[in-house]
N, C-alpha and C. Protein backbone atom coordinates (compact mmCIF):
# COMPACT_ATOMS: atom_id res chain seq x y z
N MET A 1 -31.93 246.31 -103.29
CA MET A 1 -30.69 245.77 -103.84
C MET A 1 -29.66 245.66 -102.73
N ASN A 2 -28.80 244.69 -102.87
CA ASN A 2 -27.71 244.48 -101.92
C ASN A 2 -26.38 244.59 -102.64
N LEU A 3 -25.41 245.17 -101.95
CA LEU A 3 -24.01 245.09 -102.39
C LEU A 3 -23.40 244.00 -101.53
N LEU A 4 -23.00 242.91 -102.16
CA LEU A 4 -22.41 241.77 -101.47
C LEU A 4 -20.94 241.73 -101.85
N THR A 5 -20.08 241.93 -100.87
CA THR A 5 -18.64 242.00 -101.10
C THR A 5 -17.93 240.91 -100.31
N PHE A 6 -17.08 240.17 -100.99
CA PHE A 6 -16.26 239.14 -100.36
C PHE A 6 -14.80 239.56 -100.44
N TYR A 7 -14.05 239.29 -99.38
CA TYR A 7 -12.62 239.57 -99.35
C TYR A 7 -11.89 238.24 -99.20
N VAL A 8 -11.11 237.89 -100.20
CA VAL A 8 -10.39 236.62 -100.20
C VAL A 8 -8.92 236.87 -100.50
N SER A 9 -8.11 235.90 -100.21
CA SER A 9 -6.69 235.97 -100.53
C SER A 9 -6.47 235.46 -101.94
N GLU A 10 -5.47 236.01 -102.61
CA GLU A 10 -5.11 235.52 -103.94
C GLU A 10 -4.82 234.02 -103.91
N LYS A 11 -4.27 233.54 -102.82
CA LYS A 11 -3.84 232.14 -102.76
C LYS A 11 -4.94 231.18 -102.32
N GLN A 12 -6.12 231.69 -101.93
CA GLN A 12 -7.22 230.81 -101.54
C GLN A 12 -7.80 230.11 -102.77
N HIS A 13 -7.99 228.80 -102.65
CA HIS A 13 -8.58 228.02 -103.73
C HIS A 13 -9.76 227.21 -103.20
N HIS A 14 -10.66 226.89 -104.13
CA HIS A 14 -11.78 226.01 -103.80
C HIS A 14 -12.16 225.28 -105.09
N ALA A 15 -12.39 223.99 -104.99
CA ALA A 15 -12.78 223.17 -106.14
C ALA A 15 -11.77 223.29 -107.28
N GLY A 16 -10.49 223.39 -106.92
CA GLY A 16 -9.43 223.39 -107.92
C GLY A 16 -9.23 224.69 -108.67
N MET A 17 -9.79 225.79 -108.16
CA MET A 17 -9.61 227.08 -108.84
C MET A 17 -9.47 228.17 -107.79
N PRO A 18 -8.92 229.34 -108.19
CA PRO A 18 -8.86 230.45 -107.24
C PRO A 18 -10.27 230.76 -106.72
N LEU A 19 -10.36 231.04 -105.42
CA LEU A 19 -11.67 231.26 -104.81
C LEU A 19 -12.43 232.40 -105.46
N TYR A 20 -11.72 233.46 -105.88
CA TYR A 20 -12.43 234.58 -106.52
C TYR A 20 -13.06 234.12 -107.83
N ASP A 21 -12.39 233.26 -108.59
CA ASP A 21 -12.98 232.71 -109.82
C ASP A 21 -14.18 231.83 -109.50
N TRP A 22 -14.04 231.02 -108.46
CA TRP A 22 -15.13 230.13 -108.06
C TRP A 22 -16.37 230.95 -107.68
N LEU A 23 -16.16 232.03 -106.91
CA LEU A 23 -17.29 232.89 -106.51
C LEU A 23 -17.99 233.48 -107.74
N LEU A 24 -17.21 233.98 -108.70
CA LEU A 24 -17.80 234.56 -109.91
C LEU A 24 -18.55 233.50 -110.71
N GLU A 25 -17.96 232.32 -110.84
CA GLU A 25 -18.60 231.25 -111.59
C GLU A 25 -19.89 230.80 -110.91
N LYS A 26 -19.84 230.62 -109.60
CA LYS A 26 -21.03 230.17 -108.86
C LYS A 26 -22.14 231.22 -108.94
N ALA A 27 -21.79 232.48 -108.80
CA ALA A 27 -22.79 233.55 -108.90
C ALA A 27 -23.44 233.57 -110.28
N ASN A 28 -22.64 233.39 -111.30
CA ASN A 28 -23.17 233.35 -112.66
C ASN A 28 -24.14 232.18 -112.83
N MET A 29 -23.80 231.03 -112.28
CA MET A 29 -24.66 229.85 -112.35
C MET A 29 -25.98 230.08 -111.62
N LEU A 30 -25.96 230.90 -110.58
CA LEU A 30 -27.19 231.20 -109.82
C LEU A 30 -28.06 232.25 -110.50
N GLY A 31 -27.54 232.86 -111.58
CA GLY A 31 -28.31 233.87 -112.29
C GLY A 31 -28.04 235.29 -111.82
N ILE A 32 -27.01 235.49 -111.03
CA ILE A 32 -26.64 236.85 -110.62
C ILE A 32 -26.11 237.57 -111.86
N PRO A 33 -26.67 238.73 -112.19
CA PRO A 33 -26.41 239.35 -113.49
C PRO A 33 -25.00 239.91 -113.70
N GLY A 34 -24.19 240.01 -112.69
CA GLY A 34 -22.83 240.51 -112.90
C GLY A 34 -22.05 240.53 -111.61
N GLY A 35 -20.75 240.46 -111.75
CA GLY A 35 -19.86 240.52 -110.60
C GLY A 35 -18.47 240.90 -111.07
N SER A 36 -17.66 241.40 -110.15
CA SER A 36 -16.31 241.82 -110.49
C SER A 36 -15.35 241.44 -109.38
N ALA A 37 -14.10 241.18 -109.77
CA ALA A 37 -13.03 240.90 -108.82
C ALA A 37 -11.98 241.99 -108.98
N PHE A 38 -11.51 242.53 -107.85
CA PHE A 38 -10.53 243.61 -107.83
C PHE A 38 -9.35 243.18 -106.97
N ARG A 39 -8.15 243.25 -107.52
CA ARG A 39 -6.95 242.85 -106.78
C ARG A 39 -6.39 244.07 -106.06
N ALA A 40 -6.04 243.89 -104.81
CA ALA A 40 -5.47 244.98 -104.01
C ALA A 40 -4.04 245.27 -104.45
N ILE A 41 -3.61 246.52 -104.25
CA ILE A 41 -2.21 246.87 -104.49
C ILE A 41 -1.45 247.00 -103.18
N ALA A 42 -2.18 247.15 -102.08
CA ALA A 42 -1.57 247.21 -100.76
C ALA A 42 -2.66 246.97 -99.72
N GLY A 43 -2.24 246.53 -98.53
CA GLY A 43 -3.20 246.34 -97.46
C GLY A 43 -2.60 245.56 -96.31
N TYR A 44 -3.38 245.47 -95.23
CA TYR A 44 -2.99 244.64 -94.09
C TYR A 44 -4.25 244.03 -93.50
N GLY A 45 -4.07 242.92 -92.83
CA GLY A 45 -5.20 242.20 -92.25
C GLY A 45 -5.12 242.18 -90.75
N ARG A 46 -5.78 241.18 -90.16
CA ARG A 46 -5.84 241.08 -88.70
C ARG A 46 -4.48 240.99 -88.05
N ASN A 47 -3.50 240.43 -88.77
CA ASN A 47 -2.17 240.29 -88.18
C ASN A 47 -1.37 241.59 -88.19
N GLY A 48 -1.86 242.62 -88.87
CA GLY A 48 -1.20 243.92 -88.89
C GLY A 48 -0.02 244.02 -89.84
N LYS A 49 0.31 242.94 -90.54
CA LYS A 49 1.45 242.95 -91.46
C LYS A 49 1.06 243.59 -92.78
N LEU A 50 1.80 244.61 -93.18
CA LEU A 50 1.52 245.33 -94.43
C LEU A 50 2.04 244.54 -95.61
N HIS A 51 1.21 244.41 -96.63
CA HIS A 51 1.59 243.77 -97.88
C HIS A 51 1.42 244.80 -98.99
N GLU A 52 2.40 244.89 -99.86
CA GLU A 52 2.33 245.81 -100.99
C GLU A 52 2.71 245.07 -102.25
N GLU A 53 2.18 245.56 -103.37
CA GLU A 53 2.52 244.97 -104.65
C GLU A 53 3.89 245.48 -105.07
N THR A 54 4.91 244.70 -104.77
CA THR A 54 6.28 245.03 -105.15
C THR A 54 6.92 243.80 -105.74
N PHE A 55 8.07 243.98 -106.30
CA PHE A 55 8.81 242.86 -106.88
C PHE A 55 9.10 241.79 -105.83
N PHE A 56 9.33 242.21 -104.59
CA PHE A 56 9.73 241.29 -103.54
C PHE A 56 8.56 240.69 -102.77
N GLU A 57 7.35 241.18 -103.00
CA GLU A 57 6.18 240.67 -102.27
C GLU A 57 5.93 239.22 -102.65
N LEU A 58 5.64 238.40 -101.67
CA LEU A 58 5.33 237.00 -101.94
C LEU A 58 4.00 236.91 -102.67
N ALA A 59 3.97 236.11 -103.70
CA ALA A 59 2.74 235.93 -104.48
C ALA A 59 1.64 235.37 -103.59
N GLY A 60 0.43 235.88 -103.77
CA GLY A 60 -0.71 235.34 -103.07
C GLY A 60 -1.01 235.98 -101.73
N GLU A 61 -0.28 237.00 -101.35
CA GLU A 61 -0.48 237.62 -100.04
C GLU A 61 -1.47 238.77 -100.06
N LEU A 62 -1.82 239.27 -101.22
CA LEU A 62 -2.74 240.40 -101.29
C LEU A 62 -4.18 239.94 -101.41
N ALA A 63 -5.08 240.83 -101.06
CA ALA A 63 -6.51 240.51 -101.07
C ALA A 63 -7.11 240.72 -102.45
N VAL A 64 -8.19 239.98 -102.69
CA VAL A 64 -9.02 240.18 -103.87
C VAL A 64 -10.43 240.46 -103.34
N LYS A 65 -11.02 241.54 -103.82
CA LYS A 65 -12.38 241.90 -103.44
C LYS A 65 -13.30 241.46 -104.58
N VAL A 66 -14.32 240.69 -104.24
CA VAL A 66 -15.29 240.22 -105.23
C VAL A 66 -16.64 240.83 -104.87
N GLU A 67 -17.23 241.57 -105.82
CA GLU A 67 -18.46 242.31 -105.52
C GLU A 67 -19.59 241.95 -106.47
N PHE A 68 -20.79 241.98 -105.90
CA PHE A 68 -22.01 241.76 -106.65
C PHE A 68 -23.04 242.78 -106.18
N ILE A 69 -23.75 243.41 -107.11
CA ILE A 69 -24.93 244.21 -106.79
C ILE A 69 -26.10 243.34 -107.22
N VAL A 70 -26.90 242.93 -106.25
CA VAL A 70 -27.82 241.83 -106.48
C VAL A 70 -29.09 241.99 -105.65
N GLU A 71 -30.16 241.41 -106.16
CA GLU A 71 -31.41 241.37 -105.40
C GLU A 71 -31.20 240.57 -104.13
N GLU A 72 -31.95 240.90 -103.10
CA GLU A 72 -31.79 240.26 -101.79
C GLU A 72 -31.92 238.74 -101.86
N ALA A 73 -32.87 238.24 -102.62
CA ALA A 73 -33.09 236.79 -102.70
C ALA A 73 -31.87 236.08 -103.31
N LEU A 74 -31.25 236.68 -104.31
CA LEU A 74 -30.07 236.07 -104.92
C LEU A 74 -28.85 236.16 -103.99
N ALA A 75 -28.77 237.24 -103.22
CA ALA A 75 -27.69 237.35 -102.23
C ALA A 75 -27.82 236.21 -101.22
N GLU A 76 -29.04 235.94 -100.78
CA GLU A 76 -29.27 234.83 -99.84
C GLU A 76 -28.88 233.49 -100.45
N LYS A 77 -29.22 233.29 -101.72
CA LYS A 77 -28.88 232.03 -102.39
C LYS A 77 -27.36 231.84 -102.44
N LEU A 78 -26.63 232.89 -102.78
CA LEU A 78 -25.17 232.78 -102.86
C LEU A 78 -24.58 232.50 -101.48
N LEU A 79 -25.06 233.19 -100.47
CA LEU A 79 -24.57 232.93 -99.11
C LEU A 79 -24.90 231.51 -98.66
N ASP A 80 -26.07 231.01 -99.04
CA ASP A 80 -26.43 229.63 -98.70
C ASP A 80 -25.48 228.63 -99.35
N VAL A 81 -25.08 228.90 -100.58
CA VAL A 81 -24.12 228.02 -101.28
C VAL A 81 -22.80 228.00 -100.53
N LEU A 82 -22.33 229.17 -100.08
CA LEU A 82 -21.07 229.22 -99.34
C LEU A 82 -21.17 228.45 -98.03
N HIS A 83 -22.31 228.55 -97.34
CA HIS A 83 -22.52 227.79 -96.11
C HIS A 83 -22.49 226.28 -96.41
N ALA A 84 -23.16 225.88 -97.48
CA ALA A 84 -23.22 224.46 -97.84
C ALA A 84 -21.84 223.92 -98.21
N GLU A 85 -20.99 224.77 -98.77
CA GLU A 85 -19.63 224.36 -99.16
C GLU A 85 -18.66 224.43 -97.99
N ASN A 86 -19.14 224.88 -96.83
CA ASN A 86 -18.30 225.02 -95.63
C ASN A 86 -17.13 225.98 -95.84
N LEU A 87 -17.36 227.04 -96.59
CA LEU A 87 -16.31 228.02 -96.85
C LEU A 87 -16.23 229.03 -95.72
N ASN A 88 -15.02 229.43 -95.39
CA ASN A 88 -14.77 230.44 -94.37
C ASN A 88 -14.32 231.71 -95.10
N VAL A 89 -15.28 232.57 -95.43
CA VAL A 89 -15.01 233.76 -96.25
C VAL A 89 -15.59 234.98 -95.55
N PHE A 90 -14.76 236.03 -95.41
CA PHE A 90 -15.25 237.27 -94.84
C PHE A 90 -16.06 238.01 -95.91
N TYR A 91 -17.24 238.53 -95.50
CA TYR A 91 -18.07 239.27 -96.45
C TYR A 91 -18.72 240.46 -95.76
N VAL A 92 -19.15 241.40 -96.59
CA VAL A 92 -19.92 242.56 -96.14
C VAL A 92 -21.16 242.62 -97.03
N ARG A 93 -22.29 242.82 -96.40
CA ARG A 93 -23.56 242.93 -97.14
C ARG A 93 -24.20 244.25 -96.75
N GLN A 94 -24.49 245.07 -97.76
CA GLN A 94 -25.08 246.39 -97.52
C GLN A 94 -26.28 246.58 -98.44
N GLU A 95 -27.26 247.27 -97.92
CA GLU A 95 -28.39 247.67 -98.77
C GLU A 95 -27.95 248.90 -99.57
N VAL A 96 -28.17 248.87 -100.87
CA VAL A 96 -27.75 249.97 -101.73
C VAL A 96 -28.86 250.35 -102.70
N GLN A 97 -28.73 251.55 -103.21
CA GLN A 97 -29.58 252.01 -104.29
C GLN A 97 -28.73 251.99 -105.54
N ALA A 98 -29.21 251.35 -106.59
CA ALA A 98 -28.43 251.25 -107.82
C ALA A 98 -29.33 251.50 -109.02
N GLY A 99 -28.75 252.02 -110.07
CA GLY A 99 -29.53 252.27 -111.26
C GLY A 99 -28.65 252.78 -112.38
N VAL A 100 -29.26 253.09 -113.48
CA VAL A 100 -28.57 253.64 -114.64
C VAL A 100 -29.21 254.98 -114.97
N ILE A 101 -28.39 255.98 -115.19
CA ILE A 101 -28.91 257.31 -115.56
C ILE A 101 -28.58 257.58 -117.01
């Protein structure tokens, strides 16, 4: 199993929708059994500028993490779709052990 995690900005869009929604929709269409999007409350990126969820924070500056626990073949299919769409998305792929107790 793979944990496939994408980090996108709230303001990133693709095909007329927020990129995190597009990723979830595309994964569902590929048969990936589940995925989740998590909005950050604080963080900083390569530029070192801290963003926090406050009244004064500019909308769209925080990260959204989109995660899938998926078989390796399906992880490859999703990554291939992103390559074909020419998307520039940071991701982390890890081998994980997953199950239900």
